[in-house]
Full PDB file with SEQRES, HELIX, SHEET, SSBOND, CRYST1, ORIGX, SCALE, CONECT and MASTER records, all heavy atoms in Angstrom:
SEQRES   1 A   32  LYS PRO PHE SER PRO LEU THR LEU ILE ALA ARG ILE LYS          
SEQRES   2 A   32  ALA LEU HIS ARG ARG SER GLU ILE ALA GLU LYS GLN ALA          
SEQRES   3 A   32  HIS VAL ASN PRO SER GLU                                      
HELIX    1 AA1 PRO A    5  ALA A   26  1                                  22    
CRYST1    1.000    1.000    1.000  90.00  90.00  90.00 P 1           1          
ORIGX1      1.000000  0.000000  0.000000        0.00000                         
ORIGX2      0.000000  1.000000  0.000000        0.00000                         
ORIGX3      0.000000  0.000000  1.000000        0.00000                         
SCALE1      1.000000  0.000000  0.000000        0.00000                         
SCALE2      0.000000  1.000000  0.000000        0.00000                         
SCALE3      0.000000  0.000000  1.000000        0.00000                         
ATOM      1  N   LYS A   1     -10.996  -2.318  14.409  1.00  0.00           N  
ATOM      2  CA  LYS A   1     -11.016  -3.739  14.405  1.00  0.00           C  
ATOM      3  C   LYS A   1     -12.048  -4.291  15.358  1.00  0.00           C  
ATOM      4  O   LYS A   1     -12.314  -3.729  16.454  1.00  0.00           O  
ATOM      5  CB  LYS A   1      -9.604  -4.266  14.791  1.00  0.00           C  
ATOM      6  CG  LYS A   1      -8.475  -3.896  13.913  1.00  0.00           C  
ATOM      7  CD  LYS A   1      -7.151  -4.415  14.372  1.00  0.00           C  
ATOM      8  CE  LYS A   1      -6.006  -4.144  13.442  1.00  0.00           C  
ATOM      9  NZ  LYS A   1      -4.743  -4.652  13.985  1.00  0.00           N  
ATOM     10  N   PRO A   2     -12.625  -5.442  15.077  1.00  0.00           N  
ATOM     11  CA  PRO A   2     -12.429  -6.199  13.745  1.00  0.00           C  
ATOM     12  C   PRO A   2     -13.186  -5.635  12.677  1.00  0.00           C  
ATOM     13  O   PRO A   2     -14.204  -4.893  12.903  1.00  0.00           O  
ATOM     14  CB  PRO A   2     -13.115  -7.620  14.172  1.00  0.00           C  
ATOM     15  CG  PRO A   2     -14.045  -7.294  15.165  1.00  0.00           C  
ATOM     16  CD  PRO A   2     -13.469  -6.104  15.966  1.00  0.00           C  
ATOM     17  N   PHE A   3     -12.652  -5.664  11.469  1.00  0.00           N  
ATOM     18  CA  PHE A   3     -13.308  -4.993  10.348  1.00  0.00           C  
ATOM     19  C   PHE A   3     -13.424  -6.004   9.087  1.00  0.00           C  
ATOM     20  O   PHE A   3     -12.789  -7.126   9.096  1.00  0.00           O  
ATOM     21  CB  PHE A   3     -12.402  -3.808   9.844  1.00  0.00           C  
ATOM     22  CG  PHE A   3     -11.047  -4.230   9.378  1.00  0.00           C  
ATOM     23  CD1 PHE A   3     -10.768  -4.654   8.097  1.00  0.00           C  
ATOM     24  CD2 PHE A   3      -9.897  -4.174  10.286  1.00  0.00           C  
ATOM     25  CE1 PHE A   3      -9.468  -5.035   7.705  1.00  0.00           C  
ATOM     26  CE2 PHE A   3      -8.617  -4.523   9.961  1.00  0.00           C  
ATOM     27  CZ  PHE A   3      -8.505  -5.024   8.652  1.00  0.00           C  
ATOM     28  N   SER A   4     -14.434  -5.662   8.304  1.00  0.00           N  
ATOM     29  CA  SER A   4     -14.537  -6.461   7.084  1.00  0.00           C  
ATOM     30  C   SER A   4     -13.459  -6.053   6.093  1.00  0.00           C  
ATOM     31  O   SER A   4     -13.368  -4.887   5.788  1.00  0.00           O  
ATOM     32  CB  SER A   4     -15.924  -6.169   6.432  1.00  0.00           C  
ATOM     33  OG  SER A   4     -16.014  -6.627   5.125  1.00  0.00           O  
ATOM     34  N   PRO A   5     -12.741  -7.017   5.456  1.00  0.00           N  
ATOM     35  CA  PRO A   5     -11.804  -6.652   4.373  1.00  0.00           C  
ATOM     36  C   PRO A   5     -12.422  -5.844   3.285  1.00  0.00           C  
ATOM     37  O   PRO A   5     -11.815  -4.849   2.762  1.00  0.00           O  
ATOM     38  CB  PRO A   5     -11.314  -8.007   3.843  1.00  0.00           C  
ATOM     39  CG  PRO A   5     -11.488  -8.885   5.029  1.00  0.00           C  
ATOM     40  CD  PRO A   5     -12.777  -8.445   5.666  1.00  0.00           C  
ATOM     41  N   LEU A   6     -13.631  -6.080   2.899  1.00  0.00           N  
ATOM     42  CA  LEU A   6     -14.299  -5.455   1.867  1.00  0.00           C  
ATOM     43  C   LEU A   6     -14.551  -3.951   2.246  1.00  0.00           C  
ATOM     44  O   LEU A   6     -14.534  -3.056   1.416  1.00  0.00           O  
ATOM     45  CB  LEU A   6     -15.666  -6.016   1.452  1.00  0.00           C  
ATOM     46  CG  LEU A   6     -15.628  -7.436   0.807  1.00  0.00           C  
ATOM     47  CD1 LEU A   6     -16.948  -8.044   0.588  1.00  0.00           C  
ATOM     48  CD2 LEU A   6     -14.689  -7.257  -0.470  1.00  0.00           C  
ATOM     49  N   THR A   7     -14.868  -3.645   3.525  1.00  0.00           N  
ATOM     50  CA  THR A   7     -15.073  -2.322   4.087  1.00  0.00           C  
ATOM     51  C   THR A   7     -13.742  -1.587   3.900  1.00  0.00           C  
ATOM     52  O   THR A   7     -13.707  -0.413   3.535  1.00  0.00           O  
ATOM     53  CB  THR A   7     -15.451  -2.341   5.517  1.00  0.00           C  
ATOM     54  OG1 THR A   7     -16.758  -2.983   5.556  1.00  0.00           O  
ATOM     55  CG2 THR A   7     -15.568  -0.987   6.006  1.00  0.00           C  
ATOM     56  N   LEU A   8     -12.604  -2.264   4.349  1.00  0.00           N  
ATOM     57  CA  LEU A   8     -11.371  -1.519   4.221  1.00  0.00           C  
ATOM     58  C   LEU A   8     -11.104  -1.190   2.789  1.00  0.00           C  
ATOM     59  O   LEU A   8     -10.523  -0.147   2.343  1.00  0.00           O  
ATOM     60  CB  LEU A   8     -10.233  -2.397   4.847  1.00  0.00           C  
ATOM     61  CG  LEU A   8      -8.851  -1.810   4.678  1.00  0.00           C  
ATOM     62  CD1 LEU A   8      -8.758  -0.442   5.397  1.00  0.00           C  
ATOM     63  CD2 LEU A   8      -7.814  -2.748   5.374  1.00  0.00           C  
ATOM     64  N   ILE A   9     -11.256  -2.186   1.805  1.00  0.00           N  
ATOM     65  CA  ILE A   9     -10.991  -2.027   0.395  1.00  0.00           C  
ATOM     66  C   ILE A   9     -11.868  -0.778  -0.140  1.00  0.00           C  
ATOM     67  O   ILE A   9     -11.333   0.044  -0.863  1.00  0.00           O  
ATOM     68  CB  ILE A   9     -11.364  -3.299  -0.389  1.00  0.00           C  
ATOM     69  CG1 ILE A   9     -10.427  -4.374  -0.062  1.00  0.00           C  
ATOM     70  CG2 ILE A   9     -11.281  -2.976  -1.916  1.00  0.00           C  
ATOM     71  CD1 ILE A   9      -9.002  -4.167  -0.507  1.00  0.00           C  
ATOM     72  N   ALA A  10     -13.146  -0.647   0.367  1.00  0.00           N  
ATOM     73  CA  ALA A  10     -13.970   0.429  -0.101  1.00  0.00           C  
ATOM     74  C   ALA A  10     -13.398   1.799   0.404  1.00  0.00           C  
ATOM     75  O   ALA A  10     -13.368   2.740  -0.365  1.00  0.00           O  
ATOM     76  CB  ALA A  10     -15.371   0.217   0.348  1.00  0.00           C  
ATOM     77  N   ARG A  11     -12.882   1.743   1.661  1.00  0.00           N  
ATOM     78  CA  ARG A  11     -12.320   3.051   2.221  1.00  0.00           C  
ATOM     79  C   ARG A  11     -11.149   3.437   1.410  1.00  0.00           C  
ATOM     80  O   ARG A  11     -10.865   4.593   1.192  1.00  0.00           O  
ATOM     81  CB  ARG A  11     -11.997   2.744   3.608  1.00  0.00           C  
ATOM     82  CG  ARG A  11     -13.110   2.404   4.590  1.00  0.00           C  
ATOM     83  CD  ARG A  11     -14.019   3.563   5.026  1.00  0.00           C  
ATOM     84  NE  ARG A  11     -14.922   3.221   5.930  1.00  0.00           N  
ATOM     85  CZ  ARG A  11     -14.918   3.346   7.202  1.00  0.00           C  
ATOM     86  NH1 ARG A  11     -13.787   3.874   7.824  1.00  0.00           N  
ATOM     87  NH2 ARG A  11     -15.909   2.959   8.057  1.00  0.00           N  
ATOM     88  N   ILE A  12     -10.253   2.467   1.124  1.00  0.00           N  
ATOM     89  CA  ILE A  12      -9.013   2.714   0.419  1.00  0.00           C  
ATOM     90  C   ILE A  12      -9.328   3.254  -0.955  1.00  0.00           C  
ATOM     91  O   ILE A  12      -8.642   4.343  -1.451  1.00  0.00           O  
ATOM     92  CB  ILE A  12      -8.102   1.382   0.218  1.00  0.00           C  
ATOM     93  CG1 ILE A  12      -7.625   0.987   1.623  1.00  0.00           C  
ATOM     94  CG2 ILE A  12      -6.973   1.622  -0.784  1.00  0.00           C  
ATOM     95  CD1 ILE A  12      -6.823  -0.364   1.536  1.00  0.00           C  
ATOM     96  N   LYS A  13     -10.256   2.686  -1.790  1.00  0.00           N  
ATOM     97  CA  LYS A  13     -10.617   3.154  -3.049  1.00  0.00           C  
ATOM     98  C   LYS A  13     -11.128   4.638  -3.011  1.00  0.00           C  
ATOM     99  O   LYS A  13     -10.794   5.461  -3.711  1.00  0.00           O  
ATOM    100  CB  LYS A  13     -11.747   2.297  -3.701  1.00  0.00           C  
ATOM    101  CG  LYS A  13     -11.248   0.938  -4.078  1.00  0.00           C  
ATOM    102  CD  LYS A  13     -12.303   0.061  -4.768  1.00  0.00           C  
ATOM    103  CE  LYS A  13     -11.756  -1.315  -5.295  1.00  0.00           C  
ATOM    104  NZ  LYS A  13     -12.825  -2.057  -5.784  1.00  0.00           N  
ATOM    105  N   ALA A  14     -11.979   4.894  -1.934  1.00  0.00           N  
ATOM    106  CA  ALA A  14     -12.531   6.256  -1.907  1.00  0.00           C  
ATOM    107  C   ALA A  14     -11.505   7.306  -1.503  1.00  0.00           C  
ATOM    108  O   ALA A  14     -11.464   8.372  -2.140  1.00  0.00           O  
ATOM    109  CB  ALA A  14     -13.626   6.296  -0.828  1.00  0.00           C  
ATOM    110  N   LEU A  15     -10.665   6.952  -0.659  1.00  0.00           N  
ATOM    111  CA  LEU A  15      -9.587   7.829  -0.242  1.00  0.00           C  
ATOM    112  C   LEU A  15      -8.561   8.086  -1.349  1.00  0.00           C  
ATOM    113  O   LEU A  15      -8.137   9.277  -1.625  1.00  0.00           O  
ATOM    114  CB  LEU A  15      -8.902   7.360   1.000  1.00  0.00           C  
ATOM    115  CG  LEU A  15      -7.811   8.320   1.635  1.00  0.00           C  
ATOM    116  CD1 LEU A  15      -8.471   9.562   1.944  1.00  0.00           C  
ATOM    117  CD2 LEU A  15      -7.282   7.594   2.906  1.00  0.00           C  
ATOM    118  N   HIS A  16      -8.260   7.084  -2.008  1.00  0.00           N  
ATOM    119  CA  HIS A  16      -7.284   7.156  -3.196  1.00  0.00           C  
ATOM    120  C   HIS A  16      -7.817   7.964  -4.298  1.00  0.00           C  
ATOM    121  O   HIS A  16      -7.185   8.751  -4.910  1.00  0.00           O  
ATOM    122  CB  HIS A  16      -6.944   5.733  -3.639  1.00  0.00           C  
ATOM    123  CG  HIS A  16      -5.919   5.746  -4.725  1.00  0.00           C  
ATOM    124  ND1 HIS A  16      -4.667   6.288  -4.617  1.00  0.00           N  
ATOM    125  CD2 HIS A  16      -5.901   5.302  -6.108  1.00  0.00           C  
ATOM    126  CE1 HIS A  16      -3.982   6.137  -5.754  1.00  0.00           C  
ATOM    127  NE2 HIS A  16      -4.657   5.537  -6.614  1.00  0.00           N  
ATOM    128  N   ARG A  17      -9.154   7.738  -4.580  1.00  0.00           N  
ATOM    129  CA  ARG A  17      -9.868   8.477  -5.584  1.00  0.00           C  
ATOM    130  C   ARG A  17      -9.778  10.048  -5.330  1.00  0.00           C  
ATOM    131  O   ARG A  17      -9.461  10.866  -6.272  1.00  0.00           O  
ATOM    132  CB  ARG A  17     -11.322   8.020  -5.770  1.00  0.00           C  
ATOM    133  CG  ARG A  17     -12.080   8.698  -6.859  1.00  0.00           C  
ATOM    134  CD  ARG A  17     -13.314   7.960  -7.144  1.00  0.00           C  
ATOM    135  NE  ARG A  17     -14.219   7.814  -6.028  1.00  0.00           N  
ATOM    136  CZ  ARG A  17     -14.418   6.669  -5.421  1.00  0.00           C  
ATOM    137  NH1 ARG A  17     -13.860   5.533  -5.810  1.00  0.00           N  
ATOM    138  NH2 ARG A  17     -15.233   6.649  -4.434  1.00  0.00           N  
ATOM    139  N   ARG A  18     -10.025  10.368  -4.106  1.00  0.00           N  
ATOM    140  CA  ARG A  18     -10.109  11.757  -3.740  1.00  0.00           C  
ATOM    141  C   ARG A  18      -8.547  12.329  -3.838  1.00  0.00           C  
ATOM    142  O   ARG A  18      -8.374  13.423  -4.307  1.00  0.00           O  
ATOM    143  CB  ARG A  18     -10.564  11.904  -2.339  1.00  0.00           C  
ATOM    144  CG  ARG A  18     -11.980  11.724  -2.147  1.00  0.00           C  
ATOM    145  CD  ARG A  18     -12.754  13.007  -2.490  1.00  0.00           C  
ATOM    146  NE  ARG A  18     -14.202  12.944  -2.323  1.00  0.00           N  
ATOM    147  CZ  ARG A  18     -15.028  13.887  -2.514  1.00  0.00           C  
ATOM    148  NH1 ARG A  18     -14.639  15.029  -2.891  1.00  0.00           N  
ATOM    149  NH2 ARG A  18     -16.371  13.653  -2.330  1.00  0.00           N  
ATOM    150  N   SER A  19      -7.683  11.566  -3.501  1.00  0.00           N  
ATOM    151  CA  SER A  19      -6.239  11.994  -3.510  1.00  0.00           C  
ATOM    152  C   SER A  19      -5.870  12.226  -4.905  1.00  0.00           C  
ATOM    153  O   SER A  19      -5.121  13.155  -5.211  1.00  0.00           O  
ATOM    154  CB  SER A  19      -5.381  10.933  -2.843  1.00  0.00           C  
ATOM    155  OG  SER A  19      -3.971  11.306  -2.864  1.00  0.00           O  
ATOM    156  N   GLU A  20      -6.263  11.321  -5.799  1.00  0.00           N  
ATOM    157  CA  GLU A  20      -5.874  11.467  -7.175  1.00  0.00           C  
ATOM    158  C   GLU A  20      -6.504  12.720  -7.842  1.00  0.00           C  
ATOM    159  O   GLU A  20      -5.773  13.526  -8.530  1.00  0.00           O  
ATOM    160  CB  GLU A  20      -6.378  10.215  -8.036  1.00  0.00           C  
ATOM    161  CG  GLU A  20      -5.477   9.105  -7.886  1.00  0.00           C  
ATOM    162  CD  GLU A  20      -5.888   7.959  -8.853  1.00  0.00           C  
ATOM    163  OE1 GLU A  20      -7.107   7.692  -9.036  1.00  0.00           O  
ATOM    164  OE2 GLU A  20      -5.005   7.427  -9.485  1.00  0.00           O  
ATOM    165  N   ILE A  21      -7.706  13.001  -7.462  1.00  0.00           N  
ATOM    166  CA  ILE A  21      -8.393  14.264  -8.065  1.00  0.00           C  
ATOM    167  C   ILE A  21      -7.591  15.505  -7.523  1.00  0.00           C  
ATOM    168  O   ILE A  21      -7.385  16.398  -8.307  1.00  0.00           O  
ATOM    169  CB  ILE A  21      -9.866  14.318  -7.565  1.00  0.00           C  
ATOM    170  CG1 ILE A  21     -10.573  13.230  -8.209  1.00  0.00           C  
ATOM    171  CG2 ILE A  21     -10.449  15.658  -7.802  1.00  0.00           C  
ATOM    172  CD1 ILE A  21     -12.053  12.999  -7.649  1.00  0.00           C  
ATOM    173  N   ALA A  22      -7.243  15.499  -6.207  1.00  0.00           N  
ATOM    174  CA  ALA A  22      -6.482  16.576  -5.694  1.00  0.00           C  
ATOM    175  C   ALA A  22      -5.258  16.844  -6.329  1.00  0.00           C  
ATOM    176  O   ALA A  22      -4.770  18.007  -6.671  1.00  0.00           O  
ATOM    177  CB  ALA A  22      -6.448  16.504  -4.165  1.00  0.00           C  
ATOM    178  N   GLU A  23      -4.569  15.718  -6.637  1.00  0.00           N  
ATOM    179  CA  GLU A  23      -3.170  15.715  -7.206  1.00  0.00           C  
ATOM    180  C   GLU A  23      -3.368  16.385  -8.657  1.00  0.00           C  
ATOM    181  O   GLU A  23      -2.453  17.143  -9.052  1.00  0.00           O  
ATOM    182  CB  GLU A  23      -2.558  14.405  -7.214  1.00  0.00           C  
ATOM    183  CG  GLU A  23      -1.199  14.338  -7.908  1.00  0.00           C  
ATOM    184  CD  GLU A  23      -0.179  14.992  -6.894  1.00  0.00           C  
ATOM    185  OE1 GLU A  23      -0.362  15.120  -5.751  1.00  0.00           O  
ATOM    186  OE2 GLU A  23       1.041  15.144  -7.493  1.00  0.00           O  
ATOM    187  N   LYS A  24      -4.329  15.968  -9.465  1.00  0.00           N  
ATOM    188  CA  LYS A  24      -4.501  16.452 -10.798  1.00  0.00           C  
ATOM    189  C   LYS A  24      -4.839  17.834 -10.752  1.00  0.00           C  
ATOM    190  O   LYS A  24      -4.288  18.673 -11.645  1.00  0.00           O  
ATOM    191  CB  LYS A  24      -5.615  15.591 -11.465  1.00  0.00           C  
ATOM    192  CG  LYS A  24      -5.250  14.248 -11.809  1.00  0.00           C  
ATOM    193  CD  LYS A  24      -6.466  13.455 -12.427  1.00  0.00           C  
ATOM    194  CE  LYS A  24      -6.037  12.058 -12.709  1.00  0.00           C  
ATOM    195  NZ  LYS A  24      -7.252  11.317 -13.209  1.00  0.00           N  
ATOM    196  N   GLN A  25      -5.685  18.334  -9.857  1.00  0.00           N  
ATOM    197  CA  GLN A  25      -5.984  19.696  -9.801  1.00  0.00           C  
ATOM    198  C   GLN A  25      -4.882  20.660  -9.358  1.00  0.00           C  
ATOM    199  O   GLN A  25      -4.785  21.837  -9.639  1.00  0.00           O  
ATOM    200  CB  GLN A  25      -7.259  19.932  -8.791  1.00  0.00           C  
ATOM    201  CG  GLN A  25      -8.425  19.276  -9.401  1.00  0.00           C  
ATOM    202  CD  GLN A  25      -9.597  19.288  -8.477  1.00  0.00           C  
ATOM    203  OE1 GLN A  25      -9.456  19.406  -7.206  1.00  0.00           O  
ATOM    204  NE2 GLN A  25     -10.947  19.209  -8.887  1.00  0.00           N  
ATOM    205  N   ALA A  26      -3.918  20.022  -8.631  1.00  0.00           N  
ATOM    206  CA  ALA A  26      -2.783  20.920  -8.146  1.00  0.00           C  
ATOM    207  C   ALA A  26      -1.779  21.147  -9.288  1.00  0.00           C  
ATOM    208  O   ALA A  26      -0.878  22.005  -9.117  1.00  0.00           O  
ATOM    209  CB  ALA A  26      -2.132  20.176  -6.893  1.00  0.00           C  
ATOM    210  N   HIS A  27      -1.896  20.441 -10.415  1.00  0.00           N  
ATOM    211  CA  HIS A  27      -0.905  20.567 -11.421  1.00  0.00           C  
ATOM    212  C   HIS A  27      -1.553  21.093 -12.775  1.00  0.00           C  
ATOM    213  O   HIS A  27      -1.410  20.614 -13.840  1.00  0.00           O  
ATOM    214  CB  HIS A  27      -0.235  19.289 -11.781  1.00  0.00           C  
ATOM    215  CG  HIS A  27       0.666  18.754 -10.662  1.00  0.00           C  
ATOM    216  ND1 HIS A  27       0.127  18.083  -9.579  1.00  0.00           N  
ATOM    217  CD2 HIS A  27       1.973  19.035 -10.390  1.00  0.00           C  
ATOM    218  CE1 HIS A  27       1.034  17.783  -8.802  1.00  0.00           C  
ATOM    219  NE2 HIS A  27       2.253  18.373  -9.159  1.00  0.00           N  
ATOM    220  N   VAL A  28      -2.258  22.246 -12.601  1.00  0.00           N  
ATOM    221  CA  VAL A  28      -2.851  22.879 -13.678  1.00  0.00           C  
ATOM    222  C   VAL A  28      -2.101  24.097 -14.042  1.00  0.00           C  
ATOM    223  O   VAL A  28      -1.303  24.666 -13.321  1.00  0.00           O  
ATOM    224  CB  VAL A  28      -4.322  23.185 -13.433  1.00  0.00           C  
ATOM    225  CG1 VAL A  28      -5.204  22.062 -13.122  1.00  0.00           C  
ATOM    226  CG2 VAL A  28      -4.379  24.234 -12.300  1.00  0.00           C  
ATOM    227  N   ASN A  29      -2.324  24.527 -15.329  1.00  0.00           N  
ATOM    228  CA  ASN A  29      -1.658  25.719 -15.920  1.00  0.00           C  
ATOM    229  C   ASN A  29      -2.231  26.958 -15.113  1.00  0.00           C  
ATOM    230  O   ASN A  29      -3.470  27.142 -15.161  1.00  0.00           O  
ATOM    231  CB  ASN A  29      -1.888  25.868 -17.288  1.00  0.00           C  
ATOM    232  CG  ASN A  29      -1.022  26.978 -17.969  1.00  0.00           C  
ATOM    233  OD1 ASN A  29      -0.895  28.008 -17.416  1.00  0.00           O  
ATOM    234  ND2 ASN A  29      -0.518  26.704 -19.188  1.00  0.00           N  
ATOM    235  N   PRO A  30      -1.404  27.837 -14.495  1.00  0.00           N  
ATOM    236  CA  PRO A  30      -2.018  28.974 -13.806  1.00  0.00           C  
ATOM    237  C   PRO A  30      -2.843  29.847 -14.562  1.00  0.00           C  
ATOM    238  O   PRO A  30      -3.830  30.472 -14.143  1.00  0.00           O  
ATOM    239  CB  PRO A  30      -0.599  29.755 -13.323  1.00  0.00           C  
ATOM    240  CG  PRO A  30       0.463  28.695 -13.340  1.00  0.00           C  
ATOM    241  CD  PRO A  30       0.094  27.692 -14.403  1.00  0.00           C  
ATOM    242  N   SER A  31      -2.573  29.941 -15.944  1.00  0.00           N  
ATOM    243  CA  SER A  31      -3.409  30.698 -16.866  1.00  0.00           C  
ATOM    244  C   SER A  31      -4.766  30.295 -16.913  1.00  0.00           C  
ATOM    245  O   SER A  31      -5.757  30.886 -17.249  1.00  0.00           O  
ATOM    246  CB  SER A  31      -2.758  30.806 -18.210  1.00  0.00           C  
ATOM    247  OG  SER A  31      -2.726  29.513 -18.853  1.00  0.00           O  
ATOM    248  N   GLU A  32      -4.932  28.979 -16.592  1.00  0.00           N  
ATOM    249  CA  GLU A  32      -6.323  28.325 -16.597  1.00  0.00           C  
ATOM    250  C   GLU A  32      -7.048  28.442 -15.281  1.00  0.00           C  
ATOM    251  O   GLU A  32      -8.220  27.885 -15.103  1.00  0.00           O  
ATOM    252  CB  GLU A  32      -6.255  26.805 -17.010  1.00  0.00           C  
ATOM    253  CG  GLU A  32      -5.654  26.595 -18.313  1.00  0.00           C  
ATOM    254  CD  GLU A  32      -5.325  25.003 -18.668  1.00  0.00           C  
ATOM    255  OE1 GLU A  32      -5.542  24.246 -17.542  1.00  0.00           O  
ATOM    256  OE2 GLU A  32      -4.994  24.743 -19.631  1.00  0.00           O  
TER     257      GLU A  32                                                      
MASTER        0    0    0    1    0    0    0    6  256    1    0    3          
END                                                                             
């Protein structure tokens, strides 16, 4: 702080995007 709201929004989007990718990759069929 102090921070730009747009900067925080960008950080949230980037972190959430990475989290979603990790979540999807963690639920794959073991045979694949």
